[in-house]
Amino acid sequence: MADIALTHSEREQLRDKLQAYCETHFELELEQFDAEFFIDFIAEQIGPAFYNAGIDEAIRTHALYSERIQEEMDLKKIF
């Protein structure tokens, strides 16, 4: 898998959300760089699991739609 590339705006949004979450739930004040390092860790170490789960779901969805299309095509066959 390629590295996850986030725009500057996306990184800022994630950083702000992470800082707010930590403050609300843990009474922990994360500095900007700490939050950004944590985001990097999540993207590198945890992100692939979510990415793979998304790919698996896409494969299952595609298989279901392909099966339905095949059923529809079979119904339209002329005998």
Protein backbone atom coordinates (compact mmCIF):
# COMPACT_ATOMS: atom_id res chain seq x y z
CA MET A 1 0.00 0.00 0.00
CA ALA A 2 1.23 3.47 -0.81
CA ASP A 3 1.76 5.99 1.93
CA ILE A 4 -1.36 7.85 2.93
CA ALA A 5 -1.07 11.35 1.51
CA LEU A 6 -3.09 13.99 3.31
CA THR A 7 -3.45 17.58 2.21
CA HIS A 8 -2.40 20.35 4.57
CA SER A 9 -6.07 21.11 5.22
CA GLU A 10 -6.90 17.46 5.98
CA ARG A 11 -3.96 17.23 8.40
CA GLU A 12 -5.12 20.39 10.17
CA GLN A 13 -8.66 19.06 10.51
CA LEU A 14 -7.46 15.72 11.86
CA ARG A 15 -5.06 17.45 14.26
CA ASP A 16 -7.83 19.71 15.56
CA LYS A 17 -10.23 16.78 16.01
CA LEU A 18 -7.58 14.72 17.79
CA GLN A 19 -6.66 17.58 20.11
CA ALA A 20 -10.33 18.21 20.94
CA TYR A 21 -10.97 14.50 21.53
CA CYS A 22 -8.01 14.11 23.88
CA GLU A 23 -8.98 17.24 25.78
CA THR A 24 -12.62 16.17 26.14
CA HIS A 25 -12.13 12.51 26.98
CA PHE A 26 -8.79 12.44 28.76
CA GLU A 27 -8.26 16.01 29.93
CA LEU A 28 -5.02 15.79 27.95
CA GLU A 29 -3.77 18.82 26.09
CA LEU A 30 -1.86 17.74 22.99
CA GLU A 31 0.50 20.22 21.40
CA GLN A 32 0.46 20.64 17.63
CA PHE A 33 3.53 18.50 16.94
CA ASP A 34 2.44 15.74 19.34
CA ALA A 35 -0.93 15.55 17.60
CA GLU A 36 0.70 15.46 14.17
CA PHE A 37 3.11 12.69 15.23
CA PHE A 38 0.13 10.73 16.56
CA ILE A 39 -1.69 11.20 13.25
CA ASP A 40 1.40 9.92 11.43
CA PHE A 41 1.48 6.88 13.72
CA ILE A 42 -2.19 6.14 13.09
CA ALA A 43 -1.76 6.52 9.32
CA GLU A 44 1.29 4.25 9.24
CA GLN A 45 0.42 1.61 11.83
CA ILE A 46 -3.38 1.51 12.09
CA GLY A 47 -4.47 2.95 8.75
CA PRO A 48 -3.64 -0.19 6.74
CA ALA A 49 -6.11 -2.26 8.77
CA PHE A 50 -8.93 0.17 7.97
CA TYR A 51 -7.79 0.39 4.35
CA ASN A 52 -7.81 -3.40 4.01
CA ALA A 53 -11.25 -3.61 5.62
CA GLY A 54 -12.52 -1.09 3.07
CA ILE A 55 -11.03 -3.07 0.20
CA ASP A 56 -12.61 -6.29 1.52
CA GLU A 57 -15.99 -4.56 1.75
CA ALA A 58 -15.64 -3.23 -1.80
CA ILE A 59 -14.84 -6.74 -3.05
CA ARG A 60 -17.90 -8.20 -1.29
CA THR A 61 -20.13 -5.41 -2.62
CA HIS A 62 -18.80 -5.86 -6.16
CA ALA A 63 -19.38 -9.61 -5.99
CA LEU A 64 -22.98 -9.11 -4.86
CA TYR A 65 -23.71 -6.60 -7.63
CA SER A 66 -22.05 -8.83 -10.22
CA GLU A 67 -24.19 -11.74 -9.07
CA ARG A 68 -27.37 -9.65 -9.33
CA ILE A 69 -26.44 -8.46 -12.80
CA GLN A 70 -25.80 -12.03 -13.89
CA GLU A 71 -29.21 -13.08 -12.53
CA GLU A 72 -30.88 -10.23 -14.43
CA MET A 73 -29.06 -11.17 -17.62
CA ASP A 74 -30.09 -14.82 -17.22
CA LEU A 75 -33.74 -13.75 -16.89
CA LYS A 76 -33.55 -11.81 -20.17
CA LYS A 77 -32.19 -14.71 -22.20
CA ILE A 78 -34.32 -15.87 -25.07
CA PHE A 79 -34.81 -19.62 -25.24
